[in-house]
């Protein structure tokens, strides 16, 4: 039997509040939401399975472990440089191994330069 606590929240027999969560704003799961929760769990499992499949394909194509591939690609950075003329975002130079990995995975080399933002001329 539902009851009301001192904060005015209604609870089902299991003590679950029937109001949006104060932190996330998401509605609390009550007995009628079991089917919705099952769909969310199934979706999560499918996403994890697809991620694992992607890792295995990368390992097979690059002939290396995921740990090594990830560590090597994590060495690639995008740096934003601020000068008196403005700012520019530039990627670090690729290593030989990074080029091998991208080639094995049939991926193009990322652009070397990104956002160019000149400063406004103060004389104007």
C-alpha atoms as a PDB file:
ATOM      1  CA  UNK A   1       0.000   0.000   0.000  1.00  0.00           C
ATOM      2  CA  UNK A   2       1.468   3.358  -1.002  1.00  0.00           C
ATOM      3  CA  UNK A   3       2.331   5.755   1.802  1.00  0.00           C
ATOM      4  CA  UNK A   4       3.540   9.322   2.160  1.00  0.00           C
ATOM      5  CA  UNK A   5       6.764  10.215   3.950  1.00  0.00           C
ATOM      6  CA  UNK A   6       7.517  13.415   5.842  1.00  0.00           C
ATOM      7  CA  UNK A   7       8.772  15.097   2.625  1.00  0.00           C
ATOM      8  CA  UNK A   8       5.490  14.536   0.812  1.00  0.00           C
ATOM      9  CA  UNK A   9       6.857  11.803  -1.497  1.00  0.00           C
ATOM     10  CA  UNK A  10       4.652   8.845  -2.237  1.00  0.00           C
ATOM     11  CA  UNK A  11       6.268   5.411  -1.860  1.00  0.00           C
ATOM     12  CA  UNK A  12       5.207   2.010  -3.131  1.00  0.00           C
ATOM     13  CA  UNK A  13       5.335  -1.103  -0.948  1.00  0.00           C
ATOM     14  CA  UNK A  14       9.054  -1.519  -1.657  1.00  0.00           C
ATOM     15  CA  UNK A  15       9.873   1.992  -0.430  1.00  0.00           C
ATOM     16  CA  UNK A  16      10.640   3.417  -3.912  1.00  0.00           C
ATOM     17  CA  UNK A  17       9.806   7.114  -4.210  1.00  0.00           C
ATOM     18  CA  UNK A  18       7.265   8.023  -6.892  1.00  0.00           C
ATOM     19  CA  UNK A  19       8.836  11.371  -7.838  1.00  0.00           C
ATOM     20  CA  UNK A  20      11.644  12.570 -10.108  1.00  0.00           C
ATOM     21  CA  UNK A  21      15.138  12.045  -8.750  1.00  0.00           C
ATOM     22  CA  UNK A  22      16.428  15.293  -7.250  1.00  0.00           C
ATOM     23  CA  UNK A  23      19.890  14.944  -8.796  1.00  0.00           C
ATOM     24  CA  UNK A  24      19.220  13.679 -12.323  1.00  0.00           C
ATOM     25  CA  UNK A  25      15.601  14.725 -12.777  1.00  0.00           C
ATOM     26  CA  UNK A  26      14.810  11.171 -13.949  1.00  0.00           C
ATOM     27  CA  UNK A  27      11.694   9.451 -12.701  1.00  0.00           C
ATOM     28  CA  UNK A  28      12.320   6.697 -10.163  1.00  0.00           C
ATOM     29  CA  UNK A  29      11.605   3.181 -11.380  1.00  0.00           C
ATOM     30  CA  UNK A  30       8.452   1.776  -9.849  1.00  0.00           C
ATOM     31  CA  UNK A  31       6.789  -1.567 -10.445  1.00  0.00           C
ATOM     32  CA  UNK A  32       5.166  -0.450 -13.720  1.00  0.00           C
ATOM     33  CA  UNK A  33       8.527   0.556 -15.230  1.00  0.00           C
ATOM     34  CA  UNK A  34      10.051  -2.947 -15.274  1.00  0.00           C
ATOM     35  CA  UNK A  35       9.605  -3.328 -19.053  1.00  0.00           C
ATOM     36  CA  UNK A  36      11.300   0.004 -19.679  1.00  0.00           C
ATOM     37  CA  UNK A  37      14.245  -1.015 -17.507  1.00  0.00           C
ATOM     38  CA  UNK A  38      14.600  -4.307 -19.434  1.00  0.00           C
ATOM     39  CA  UNK A  39      14.804  -2.368 -22.719  1.00  0.00           C
ATOM     40  CA  UNK A  40      17.503  -0.139 -21.276  1.00  0.00           C
ATOM     41  CA  UNK A  41      19.513  -3.129 -20.062  1.00  0.00           C
ATOM     42  CA  UNK A  42      19.202  -4.855 -23.436  1.00  0.00           C
ATOM     43  CA  UNK A  43      20.318  -1.667 -25.231  1.00  0.00           C
ATOM     44  CA  UNK A  44      23.309  -1.353 -22.917  1.00  0.00           C
ATOM     45  CA  UNK A  45      24.348  -4.959 -23.555  1.00  0.00           C
ATOM     46  CA  UNK A  46      24.066  -4.438 -27.321  1.00  0.00           C
ATOM     47  CA  UNK A  47      26.210  -1.290 -27.179  1.00  0.00           C
ATOM     48  CA  UNK A  48      28.853  -3.111 -25.135  1.00  0.00           C
ATOM     49  CA  UNK A  49      28.823  -6.002 -27.605  1.00  0.00           C
ATOM     50  CA  UNK A  50      29.264  -3.605 -30.551  1.00  0.00           C
ATOM     51  CA  UNK A  51      32.142  -1.845 -28.772  1.00  0.00           C
ATOM     52  CA  UNK A  52      33.858  -5.189 -28.147  1.00  0.00           C
ATOM     53  CA  UNK A  53      33.359  -6.162 -31.792  1.00  0.00           C
ATOM     54  CA  UNK A  54      34.938  -2.872 -32.875  1.00  0.00           C
ATOM     55  CA  UNK A  55      37.935  -3.531 -30.617  1.00  0.00           C
ATOM     56  CA  UNK A  56      38.409  -7.027 -32.007  1.00  0.00           C
ATOM     57  CA  UNK A  57      38.231  -5.775 -35.607  1.00  0.00           C
ATOM     58  CA  UNK A  58      40.832  -3.099 -34.811  1.00  0.00           C
ATOM     59  CA  UNK A  59      43.092  -5.705 -33.174  1.00  0.00           C
ATOM     60  CA  UNK A  60      42.798  -8.060 -36.138  1.00  0.00           C
ATOM     61  CA  UNK A  61      43.366  -5.402 -38.793  1.00  0.00           C
ATOM     62  CA  UNK A  62      46.261  -3.682 -36.975  1.00  0.00           C
ATOM     63  CA  UNK A  63      47.801  -7.005 -35.839  1.00  0.00           C
ATOM     64  CA  UNK A  64      48.252  -5.664 -32.313  1.00  0.00           C
ATOM     65  CA  UNK A  65      46.448  -5.665 -28.967  1.00  0.00           C
ATOM     66  CA  UNK A  66      43.829  -3.048 -28.152  1.00  0.00           C
ATOM     67  CA  UNK A  67      45.970  -1.811 -25.246  1.00  0.00           C
ATOM     68  CA  UNK A  68      48.889  -1.082 -27.593  1.00  0.00           C
ATOM     69  CA  UNK A  69      46.648   0.523 -30.251  1.00  0.00           C
ATOM     70  CA  UNK A  70      44.947   2.731 -27.667  1.00  0.00           C
ATOM     71  CA  UNK A  71      48.219   3.730 -25.993  1.00  0.00           C
ATOM     72  CA  UNK A  72      49.785   4.671 -29.329  1.00  0.00           C
ATOM     73  CA  UNK A  73      46.772   6.676 -30.537  1.00  0.00           C
ATOM     74  CA  UNK A  74      46.445   8.377 -27.125  1.00  0.00           C
ATOM     75  CA  UNK A  75      49.798  10.020 -27.838  1.00  0.00           C
ATOM     76  CA  UNK A  76      48.105  12.117 -30.556  1.00  0.00           C
ATOM     77  CA  UNK A  77      47.015  15.518 -29.222  1.00  0.00           C
ATOM     78  CA  UNK A  78      45.312  18.679 -30.425  1.00  0.00           C
ATOM     79  CA  UNK A  79      47.042  21.814 -29.135  1.00  0.00           C
ATOM     80  CA  UNK A  80      45.609  25.333 -29.265  1.00  0.00           C
ATOM     81  CA  UNK A  81      48.260  28.020 -29.737  1.00  0.00           C
ATOM     82  CA  UNK A  82      47.549  31.662 -28.943  1.00  0.00           C
ATOM     83  CA  UNK A  83      49.686  34.281 -30.707  1.00  0.00           C
ATOM     84  CA  UNK A  84      49.493  38.028 -31.140  1.00  0.00           C
ATOM     85  CA  UNK A  85      47.737  37.394 -34.471  1.00  0.00           C
ATOM     86  CA  UNK A  86      45.098  35.022 -33.059  1.00  0.00           C
ATOM     87  CA  UNK A  87      44.685  31.358 -32.191  1.00  0.00           C
ATOM     88  CA  UNK A  88      45.197  28.143 -34.119  1.00  0.00           C
ATOM     89  CA  UNK A  89      44.521  24.514 -33.184  1.00  0.00           C
ATOM     90  CA  UNK A  90      47.122  22.071 -34.448  1.00  0.00           C
ATOM     91  CA  UNK A  91      47.442  18.295 -34.152  1.00  0.00           C
ATOM     92  CA  UNK A  92      50.750  16.756 -33.125  1.00  0.00           C
ATOM     93  CA  UNK A  93      52.808  15.082 -35.847  1.00  0.00           C
ATOM     94  CA  UNK A  94      51.876  11.424 -36.366  1.00  0.00           C
ATOM     95  CA  UNK A  95      54.379   8.765 -35.404  1.00  0.00           C
ATOM     96  CA  UNK A  96      55.301   5.978 -37.818  1.00  0.00           C
ATOM     97  CA  UNK A  97      53.257   3.495 -35.753  1.00  0.00           C
ATOM     98  CA  UNK A  98      50.203   5.804 -35.709  1.00  0.00           C
ATOM     99  CA  UNK A  99      50.359   6.001 -39.508  1.00  0.00           C
ATOM    100  CA  UNK A 100      50.558   2.183 -39.669  1.00  0.00           C
ATOM    101  CA  UNK A 101      47.522   1.781 -37.407  1.00  0.00           C
ATOM    102  CA  UNK A 102      45.417   4.302 -39.351  1.00  0.00           C
ATOM    103  CA  UNK A 103      46.458   2.673 -42.640  1.00  0.00           C
ATOM    104  CA  UNK A 104      45.617  -0.828 -41.388  1.00  0.00           C
ATOM    105  CA  UNK A 105      42.188   0.395 -40.278  1.00  0.00           C
ATOM    106  CA  UNK A 106      41.633   2.196 -43.599  1.00  0.00           C
ATOM    107  CA  UNK A 107      41.207   5.538 -41.800  1.00  0.00           C
ATOM    108  CA  UNK A 108      42.386   8.876 -43.235  1.00  0.00           C
ATOM    109  CA  UNK A 109      45.030  10.888 -41.405  1.00  0.00           C
ATOM    110  CA  UNK A 110      43.322  13.574 -39.283  1.00  0.00           C
ATOM    111  CA  UNK A 111      43.727  17.166 -40.445  1.00  0.00           C
ATOM    112  CA  UNK A 112      46.940  18.761 -39.175  1.00  0.00           C
ATOM    113  CA  UNK A 113      45.395  22.215 -38.589  1.00  0.00           C
ATOM    114  CA  UNK A 114      41.936  23.050 -37.291  1.00  0.00           C
ATOM    115  CA  UNK A 115      40.371  26.258 -36.054  1.00  0.00           C
ATOM    116  CA  UNK A 116      42.129  29.468 -37.192  1.00  0.00           C
ATOM    117  CA  UNK A 117      40.784  32.497 -35.330  1.00  0.00           C
ATOM    118  CA  UNK A 118      42.472  35.829 -36.121  1.00  0.00           C
ATOM    119  CA  UNK A 119      42.255  38.601 -33.543  1.00  0.00           C
ATOM    120  CA  UNK A 120      40.275  41.658 -34.510  1.00  0.00           C
ATOM    121  CA  UNK A 121      42.536  44.523 -35.608  1.00  0.00           C
ATOM    122  CA  UNK A 122      42.355  47.178 -32.832  1.00  0.00           C
ATOM    123  CA  UNK A 123      42.878  49.976 -35.416  1.00  0.00           C
ATOM    124  CA  UNK A 124      39.548  49.167 -37.084  1.00  0.00           C
END
